[in-house]
Amino acid sequence: GNRIELFHGVTRDHHFASPAGAPRFVTGPLGLGHAVLLVPDIDAALGFWCGTLGFRLSDYVAFGPKQGVWFLHCNPRHHSIALLHVGPVSALHHVLFELPEIDDVGRAHDRAVSAGLPITTSLGRHRNDGMFSFYVKSPVGFDVEIGCHGVLVDEHWTPNRFVEGDVWGHKGLLEAVAGGEKS
């Protein structure tokens, strides 16, 4: 399984300043970004995240019978956790860091390409949360998604069921997800 540490109330008196000149991340009341977990038992995972911790369903993307991604929120961010179930795999698929603007994402993409980092998923836009992003392989094996302009939800949000994950782009993502890769 994956060990998870939960905490509350940590604040800083100054903003992060990147030595690469990158802007701040979109955090504050929205939290870090999101994490997507590969889970072997979707019912147990939903019971924990929704039943025990009180997260609520934002959306669901179906890949097949009882296979898909369940997007969960605990604040206005469309999802802080997503549960990816494609088989008996337990792992961290990816984490997202949100930047304020499209140009910030483009500059991050340029830096990743210039550094020779493996881009695992091309630039694109997700259908359910509107996130414009790309994915890069981290040195420890999971992906890092860098994106901007994710949808915000409120208590009146109605969950949607999708059968497609992207409006455009994100080449490589569906193959990795449908195959249950750890990224």
C-alpha atoms as a PDB file:
ATOM      1  CA  GLY A   1       0.000   0.000   0.000  1.00  0.00           C
ATOM      2  CA  ASN A   2       0.852   3.659   0.028  1.00  0.00           C
ATOM      3  CA  ARG A   3       1.599   5.432   3.290  1.00  0.00           C
ATOM      4  CA  ILE A   4      -0.257   8.758   3.533  1.00  0.00           C
ATOM      5  CA  GLU A   5       0.418  11.540   6.012  1.00  0.00           C
ATOM      6  CA  LEU A   6      -2.444  13.945   6.679  1.00  0.00           C
ATOM      7  CA  PHE A   7      -1.870  17.327   8.273  1.00  0.00           C
ATOM      8  CA  HIS A   8      -3.668  20.618   8.746  1.00  0.00           C
ATOM      9  CA  GLY A   9      -2.780  24.178   9.590  1.00  0.00           C
ATOM     10  CA  VAL A  10       0.724  24.496   8.182  1.00  0.00           C
ATOM     11  CA  THR A  11       1.282  27.985   6.761  1.00  0.00           C
ATOM     12  CA  ARG A  12       4.321  29.912   5.622  1.00  0.00           C
ATOM     13  CA  ASP A  13       5.006  33.591   6.100  1.00  0.00           C
ATOM     14  CA  HIS A  14       6.590  33.894   2.631  1.00  0.00           C
ATOM     15  CA  HIS A  15       5.975  32.526  -0.865  1.00  0.00           C
ATOM     16  CA  PHE A  16       8.098  29.924  -2.607  1.00  0.00           C
ATOM     17  CA  ALA A  17      10.748  31.502  -4.853  1.00  0.00           C
ATOM     18  CA  SER A  18      12.020  29.186  -7.576  1.00  0.00           C
ATOM     19  CA  PRO A  19      15.696  29.486  -8.516  1.00  0.00           C
ATOM     20  CA  ALA A  20      14.548  28.809 -12.120  1.00  0.00           C
ATOM     21  CA  GLY A  21      12.422  31.962 -12.064  1.00  0.00           C
ATOM     22  CA  ALA A  22       9.161  30.013 -12.112  1.00  0.00           C
ATOM     23  CA  PRO A  23       6.113  31.736 -10.636  1.00  0.00           C
ATOM     24  CA  ARG A  24       4.349  30.677  -7.480  1.00  0.00           C
ATOM     25  CA  PHE A  25       2.202  27.573  -7.413  1.00  0.00           C
ATOM     26  CA  VAL A  26      -1.588  27.822  -7.059  1.00  0.00           C
ATOM     27  CA  THR A  27      -2.102  26.570  -3.483  1.00  0.00           C
ATOM     28  CA  GLY A  28      -3.535  28.476  -0.503  1.00  0.00           C
ATOM     29  CA  PRO A  29      -7.059  27.299   0.328  1.00  0.00           C
ATOM     30  CA  LEU A  30      -6.885  24.881  -2.641  1.00  0.00           C
ATOM     31  CA  GLY A  31      -4.017  22.898  -1.165  1.00  0.00           C
ATOM     32  CA  LEU A  32      -1.041  21.403  -2.967  1.00  0.00           C
ATOM     33  CA  GLY A  33      -2.642  20.336  -6.247  1.00  0.00           C
ATOM     34  CA  HIS A  34      -3.691  16.732  -6.565  1.00  0.00           C
ATOM     35  CA  ALA A  35      -2.465  13.159  -6.408  1.00  0.00           C
ATOM     36  CA  VAL A  36      -3.721  10.236  -8.467  1.00  0.00           C
ATOM     37  CA  LEU A  37      -3.450   6.832  -6.819  1.00  0.00           C
ATOM     38  CA  LEU A  38      -3.661   3.433  -8.496  1.00  0.00           C
ATOM     39  CA  VAL A  39      -5.924   1.389  -6.221  1.00  0.00           C
ATOM     40  CA  PRO A  40      -6.558  -2.379  -6.345  1.00  0.00           C
ATOM     41  CA  ASP A  41      -9.947  -2.227  -4.554  1.00  0.00           C
ATOM     42  CA  ILE A  42     -12.043   0.747  -5.637  1.00  0.00           C
ATOM     43  CA  ASP A  43     -14.841   0.077  -3.144  1.00  0.00           C
ATOM     44  CA  ALA A  44     -12.426   0.072  -0.189  1.00  0.00           C
ATOM     45  CA  ALA A  45     -10.656   3.174  -1.518  1.00  0.00           C
ATOM     46  CA  LEU A  46     -13.922   5.091  -1.975  1.00  0.00           C
ATOM     47  CA  GLY A  47     -15.024   3.974   1.492  1.00  0.00           C
ATOM     48  CA  PHE A  48     -11.840   5.395   2.994  1.00  0.00           C
ATOM     49  CA  TRP A  49     -11.652   8.682   1.074  1.00  0.00           C
ATOM     50  CA  CYS A  50     -15.391   9.475   0.977  1.00  0.00           C
ATOM     51  CA  GLY A  51     -16.796   7.571   3.949  1.00  0.00           C
ATOM     52  CA  THR A  52     -13.989   8.097   6.459  1.00  0.00           C
ATOM     53  CA  LEU A  53     -12.371  11.360   5.312  1.00  0.00           C
ATOM     54  CA  GLY A  54     -15.453  13.069   3.863  1.00  0.00           C
ATOM     55  CA  PHE A  55     -14.244  13.726   0.310  1.00  0.00           C
ATOM     56  CA  ARG A  56     -16.980  14.131  -2.314  1.00  0.00           C
ATOM     57  CA  LEU A  57     -17.185  12.833  -5.869  1.00  0.00           C
ATOM     58  CA  SER A  58     -16.471  15.437  -8.559  1.00  0.00           C
ATOM     59  CA  ASP A  59     -16.487  13.262 -11.685  1.00  0.00           C
ATOM     60  CA  TYR A  60     -15.873   9.774 -12.988  1.00  0.00           C
ATOM     61  CA  VAL A  61     -14.175   8.642 -16.215  1.00  0.00           C
ATOM     62  CA  ALA A  62     -15.082   5.093 -17.292  1.00  0.00           C
ATOM     63  CA  PHE A  63     -12.618   2.761 -19.041  1.00  0.00           C
ATOM     64  CA  GLY A  64     -14.595  -0.466 -18.671  1.00  0.00           C
ATOM     65  CA  PRO A  65     -16.673  -2.405 -16.141  1.00  0.00           C
ATOM     66  CA  LYS A  66     -15.570  -1.138 -12.717  1.00  0.00           C
ATOM     67  CA  GLN A  67     -12.481   0.370 -14.337  1.00  0.00           C
ATOM     68  CA  GLY A  68     -11.920   4.094 -14.408  1.00  0.00           C
ATOM     69  CA  VAL A  69     -10.902   7.159 -12.458  1.00  0.00           C
ATOM     70  CA  TRP A  70     -12.949   8.618  -9.594  1.00  0.00           C
ATOM     71  CA  PHE A  71     -12.133  12.314  -8.950  1.00  0.00           C
ATOM     72  CA  LEU A  72     -12.689  13.477  -5.355  1.00  0.00           C
ATOM     73  CA  HIS A  73     -12.653  16.932  -3.779  1.00  0.00           C
ATOM     74  CA  CYS A  74     -12.447  18.296  -0.233  1.00  0.00           C
ATOM     75  CA  ASN A  75     -12.183  21.992  -1.142  1.00  0.00           C
ATOM     76  CA  PRO A  76     -13.002  24.110  -4.238  1.00  0.00           C
ATOM     77  CA  ARG A  77     -10.285  22.402  -6.350  1.00  0.00           C
ATOM     78  CA  HIS A  78     -12.013  20.008  -8.788  1.00  0.00           C
ATOM     79  CA  HIS A  79     -10.074  17.138  -7.243  1.00  0.00           C
ATOM     80  CA  SER A  80      -7.408  16.780  -4.591  1.00  0.00           C
ATOM     81  CA  ILE A  81      -7.343  12.986  -4.926  1.00  0.00           C
ATOM     82  CA  ALA A  82      -8.227  10.759  -7.853  1.00  0.00           C
ATOM     83  CA  LEU A  83      -8.548   7.000  -7.545  1.00  0.00           C
ATOM     84  CA  LEU A  84      -7.501   5.072 -10.646  1.00  0.00           C
ATOM     85  CA  HIS A  85      -8.690   1.467 -10.766  1.00  0.00           C
ATOM     86  CA  VAL A  86      -7.560  -0.699 -13.687  1.00  0.00           C
ATOM     87  CA  GLY A  87      -6.498  -3.842 -11.848  1.00  0.00           C
ATOM     88  CA  PRO A  88      -4.610  -5.144  -8.806  1.00  0.00           C
ATOM     89  CA  VAL A  89      -2.034  -2.325  -8.707  1.00  0.00           C
ATOM     90  CA  SER A  90      -1.301  -0.047  -5.743  1.00  0.00           C
ATOM     91  CA  ALA A  91       0.939   2.942  -6.501  1.00  0.00           C
ATOM     92  CA  LEU A  92       1.218   6.682  -6.913  1.00  0.00           C
ATOM     93  CA  HIS A  93       0.416   7.470 -10.550  1.00  0.00           C
ATOM     94  CA  HIS A  94       1.137  11.220 -10.491  1.00  0.00           C
ATOM     95  CA  VAL A  95       1.011  14.480  -8.579  1.00  0.00           C
ATOM     96  CA  LEU A  96      -0.046  17.834 -10.030  1.00  0.00           C
ATOM     97  CA  PHE A  97       1.477  21.227  -9.366  1.00  0.00           C
ATOM     98  CA  GLU A  98      -0.725  24.034 -10.679  1.00  0.00           C
ATOM     99  CA  LEU A  99       0.772  27.236 -12.087  1.00  0.00           C
ATOM    100  CA  PRO A 100      -1.162  30.501 -12.554  1.00  0.00           C
ATOM    101  CA  GLU A 101      -1.022  30.900 -16.362  1.00  0.00           C
ATOM    102  CA  ILE A 102      -0.679  28.987 -19.650  1.00  0.00           C
ATOM    103  CA  ASP A 103       2.618  30.743 -20.416  1.00  0.00           C
ATOM    104  CA  ASP A 104       4.000  29.470 -17.089  1.00  0.00           C
ATOM    105  CA  VAL A 105       3.129  25.911 -18.132  1.00  0.00           C
ATOM    106  CA  GLY A 106       4.737  26.490 -21.536  1.00  0.00           C
ATOM    107  CA  ARG A 107       7.949  27.764 -19.940  1.00  0.00           C
ATOM    108  CA  ALA A 108       7.995  24.774 -17.565  1.00  0.00           C
ATOM    109  CA  HIS A 109       7.559  22.469 -20.582  1.00  0.00           C
ATOM    110  CA  ASP A 110      10.446  24.223 -22.365  1.00  0.00           C
ATOM    111  CA  ARG A 111      12.679  23.815 -19.278  1.00  0.00           C
ATOM    112  CA  ALA A 112      11.815  20.107 -19.002  1.00  0.00           C
ATOM    113  CA  VAL A 113      12.557  19.504 -22.698  1.00  0.00           C
ATOM    114  CA  SER A 114      15.812  21.521 -22.525  1.00  0.00           C
ATOM    115  CA  ALA A 115      16.894  19.481 -19.500  1.00  0.00           C
ATOM    116  CA  GLY A 116      16.259  16.242 -21.408  1.00  0.00           C
ATOM    117  CA  LEU A 117      13.579  15.070 -18.976  1.00  0.00           C
ATOM    118  CA  PRO A 118      11.207  12.398 -20.296  1.00  0.00           C
ATOM    119  CA  ILE A 119       7.882  13.992 -21.252  1.00  0.00           C
ATOM    120  CA  THR A 120       5.448  11.125 -20.712  1.00  0.00           C
ATOM    121  CA  THR A 121       2.305  12.959 -21.839  1.00  0.00           C
ATOM    122  CA  SER A 122       2.172  15.810 -24.335  1.00  0.00           C
ATOM    123  CA  LEU A 123       0.520  19.163 -23.726  1.00  0.00           C
ATOM    124  CA  GLY A 124      -3.266  18.897 -23.669  1.00  0.00           C
ATOM    125  CA  ARG A 125      -6.493  19.775 -21.873  1.00  0.00           C
ATOM    126  CA  HIS A 126      -8.480  17.409 -19.642  1.00  0.00           C
ATOM    127  CA  ARG A 127     -12.203  17.215 -20.383  1.00  0.00           C
ATOM    128  CA  ASN A 128     -13.492  16.983 -16.801  1.00  0.00           C
ATOM    129  CA  ASP A 129     -11.479  19.646 -14.963  1.00  0.00           C
ATOM    130  CA  GLY A 130     -10.308  21.807 -17.888  1.00  0.00           C
ATOM    131  CA  MET A 131      -6.666  21.542 -16.783  1.00  0.00           C
ATOM    132  CA  PHE A 132      -4.132  22.528 -19.488  1.00  0.00           C
ATOM    133  CA  SER A 133      -1.044  20.456 -18.701  1.00  0.00           C
ATOM    134  CA  PHE A 134       1.752  18.041 -19.550  1.00  0.00           C
ATOM    135  CA  TYR A 135       3.359  15.171 -17.619  1.00  0.00           C
ATOM    136  CA  VAL A 136       7.050  14.547 -16.961  1.00  0.00           C
ATOM    137  CA  LYS A 137       8.663  11.476 -15.374  1.00  0.00           C
ATOM    138  CA  SER A 138      10.112  12.133 -11.908  1.00  0.00           C
ATOM    139  CA  PRO A 139      13.460  10.569 -10.935  1.00  0.00           C
ATOM    140  CA  VAL A 140      11.673   8.136  -8.583  1.00  0.00           C
ATOM    141  CA  GLY A 141       9.334   6.803 -11.265  1.00  0.00           C
ATOM    142  CA  PHE A 142       5.960   8.480 -10.863  1.00  0.00           C
ATOM    143  CA  ASP A 143       4.779  11.284 -13.125  1.00  0.00           C
ATOM    144  CA  VAL A 144       4.528  14.974 -12.264  1.00  0.00           C
ATOM    145  CA  GLU A 145       1.761  16.903 -14.001  1.00  0.00           C
ATOM    146  CA  ILE A 146       2.342  20.629 -14.507  1.00  0.00           C
ATOM    147  CA  GLY A 147      -0.818  22.533 -15.405  1.00  0.00           C
ATOM    148  CA  CYS A 148      -3.051  25.571 -15.059  1.00  0.00           C
ATOM    149  CA  HIS A 149      -6.651  26.755 -15.056  1.00  0.00           C
ATOM    150  CA  GLY A 150      -8.345  23.814 -13.367  1.00  0.00           C
ATOM    151  CA  VAL A 151     -12.080  24.070 -12.725  1.00  0.00           C
ATOM    152  CA  LEU A 152     -13.291  24.996  -9.249  1.00  0.00           C
ATOM    153  CA  VAL A 153     -16.330  23.315  -7.691  1.00  0.00           C
ATOM    154  CA  ASP A 154     -18.751  24.206  -4.908  1.00  0.00           C
ATOM    155  CA  GLU A 155     -21.452  22.482  -2.865  1.00  0.00           C
ATOM    156  CA  HIS A 156     -23.832  22.659  -5.866  1.00  0.00           C
ATOM    157  CA  TRP A 157     -21.479  20.758  -8.195  1.00  0.00           C
ATOM    158  CA  THR A 158     -23.088  17.740  -9.876  1.00  0.00           C
ATOM    159  CA  PRO A 159     -20.720  14.845 -10.680  1.00  0.00           C
ATOM    160  CA  ASN A 160     -20.439  13.875 -14.336  1.00  0.00           C
ATOM    161  CA  ARG A 161     -19.586  10.565 -16.000  1.00  0.00           C
ATOM    162  CA  PHE A 162     -17.183  10.737 -18.948  1.00  0.00           C
ATOM    163  CA  VAL A 163     -15.946   8.127 -21.394  1.00  0.00           C
ATOM    164  CA  GLU A 164     -13.181  10.348 -22.793  1.00  0.00           C
ATOM    165  CA  GLY A 165     -10.489  11.928 -20.697  1.00  0.00           C
ATOM    166  CA  ASP A 166      -9.237  14.789 -22.841  1.00  0.00           C
ATOM    167  CA  VAL A 167     -10.485  17.572 -25.100  1.00  0.00           C
ATOM    168  CA  TRP A 168      -7.219  17.408 -27.065  1.00  0.00           C
ATOM    169  CA  GLY A 169      -3.576  16.390 -26.647  1.00  0.00           C
ATOM    170  CA  HIS A 170      -2.164  14.424 -23.713  1.00  0.00           C
ATOM    171  CA  LYS A 171      -0.718  11.834 -26.106  1.00  0.00           C
ATOM    172  CA  GLY A 172       0.464   8.826 -24.110  1.00  0.00           C
ATOM    173  CA  LEU A 173      -1.781   9.294 -21.074  1.00  0.00           C
ATOM    174  CA  LEU A 174      -4.661   7.011 -22.039  1.00  0.00           C
ATOM    175  CA  GLU A 175      -2.309   4.180 -22.957  1.00  0.00           C
ATOM    176  CA  ALA A 176      -0.483   4.449 -19.624  1.00  0.00           C
ATOM    177  CA  VAL A 177      -3.709   4.669 -17.602  1.00  0.00           C
ATOM    178  CA  ALA A 178      -5.574   1.887 -19.424  1.00  0.00           C
ATOM    179  CA  GLY A 179      -2.543  -0.363 -19.066  1.00  0.00           C
ATOM    180  CA  GLY A 180      -2.346   0.247 -15.312  1.00  0.00           C
ATOM    181  CA  GLU A 181       1.205   1.550 -15.524  1.00  0.00           C
ATOM    182  CA  LYS A 182       2.693   3.171 -12.467  1.00  0.00           C
ATOM    183  CA  SER A 183       3.762   5.924 -14.932  1.00  0.00           C
END
